[in-house]
Protein backbone atom coordinates (compact mmCIF):
# COMPACT_ATOMS: atom_id res chain seq x y z
CA UNK A 1 -5.29 -10.10 5.07
CA UNK A 2 -1.75 -8.80 5.67
CA UNK A 3 -0.52 -10.27 2.60
CA UNK A 4 -3.53 -9.05 0.81
CA UNK A 5 -2.82 -5.37 1.95
CA UNK A 6 0.87 -5.78 1.01
CA UNK A 7 0.15 -7.29 -2.40
CA UNK A 8 -2.07 -4.31 -3.41
CA UNK A 9 0.03 -1.58 -1.92
CA UNK A 10 2.71 -3.08 -3.87
CA UNK A 11 0.39 -3.28 -7.28
CA UNK A 12 -0.88 -0.02 -6.81
CA UNK A 13 2.71 1.63 -6.24
CA UNK A 14 3.89 0.04 -9.16
CA UNK A 15 0.83 1.20 -11.35
CA UNK A 16 1.64 4.67 -10.21
CA UNK A 17 5.14 4.26 -11.18
CA UNK A 18 6.41 5.35 -7.39
CA UNK A 19 9.55 3.40 -5.99
CA UNK A 20 9.14 1.96 -2.19
CA UNK A 21 11.09 5.15 -1.51
CA UNK A 22 8.82 7.80 -3.17
CA UNK A 23 5.61 6.30 -1.32
CA UNK A 24 6.89 6.38 1.74
CA UNK A 25 8.00 10.04 1.59
CA UNK A 26 4.72 10.78 0.06
CA UNK A 27 2.93 8.65 2.86
CA UNK A 28 5.30 10.18 5.65
CA UNK A 29 6.29 6.81 6.73
CA UNK A 30 9.81 4.96 6.34
CA UNK A 31 10.95 2.92 3.27
CA UNK A 32 11.24 0.05 5.58
CA UNK A 33 7.78 0.11 6.74
CA UNK A 34 6.68 0.08 3.21
CA UNK A 35 8.86 -3.15 2.54
CA UNK A 36 7.71 -4.73 5.44
CA UNK A 37 3.98 -4.12 4.48
CA UNK A 38 4.18 -5.37 1.02
CA UNK A 39 5.91 -8.77 1.99
CA UNK A 40 3.55 -9.00 4.82
CA UNK A 41 5.77 -9.17 7.45
CA UNK A 42 3.87 -6.46 9.49
CA UNK A 43 0.35 -5.66 10.13
CA UNK A 44 -0.58 -2.33 8.92
CA UNK A 45 -1.99 0.03 11.38
CA UNK A 46 -5.36 1.97 10.34
CA UNK A 47 -3.09 5.18 10.22
CA UNK A 48 -0.41 3.90 7.62
CA UNK A 49 -3.28 2.40 5.46
CA UNK A 50 -4.81 5.90 5.34
CA UNK A 51 -1.81 7.71 4.89
CA UNK A 52 -0.67 5.12 1.72
CA UNK A 53 -3.92 4.95 0.04
CA UNK A 54 -3.91 9.22 0.30
CA UNK A 55 -0.34 9.11 -1.08
CA UNK A 56 -1.42 6.73 -4.19
CA UNK A 57 -4.72 8.76 -4.83
CA UNK A 58 -7.05 5.73 -3.85
CA UNK A 59 -9.40 4.69 -1.45
CA UNK A 60 -8.78 2.88 1.62
CA UNK A 61 -11.17 0.07 -0.10
CA UNK A 62 -9.09 -0.42 -2.97
CA UNK A 63 -5.91 -1.56 -0.27
CA UNK A 64 -8.14 -3.90 0.99
CA UNK A 65 -10.02 -5.31 -2.26
CA UNK A 66 -9.27 -9.05 -3.50
CA UNK A 67 -7.86 -9.57 -6.76
CA UNK A 68 -11.62 -10.59 -7.94
CA UNK A 69 -12.66 -6.97 -7.25
CA UNK A 70 -9.94 -5.18 -8.82
CA UNK A 71 -10.86 -2.98 -11.58
CA UNK A 72 -8.79 -3.84 -14.83
């Protein structure tokens, strides 16, 4: 699940055109934390998932979705 969330964060961040630093600033978290989440090295907290979803303008469910559930 951790790697799935990380892949989704990376995919949605790139789609939004944000760098890790830009996303971190928008979500009020550190760039290092964004990096560790994207690589699956850390388990996200509910608070961080919520902040990231808001910063990306998506629902929390979008960060939890399997690739087969992604809209094109």
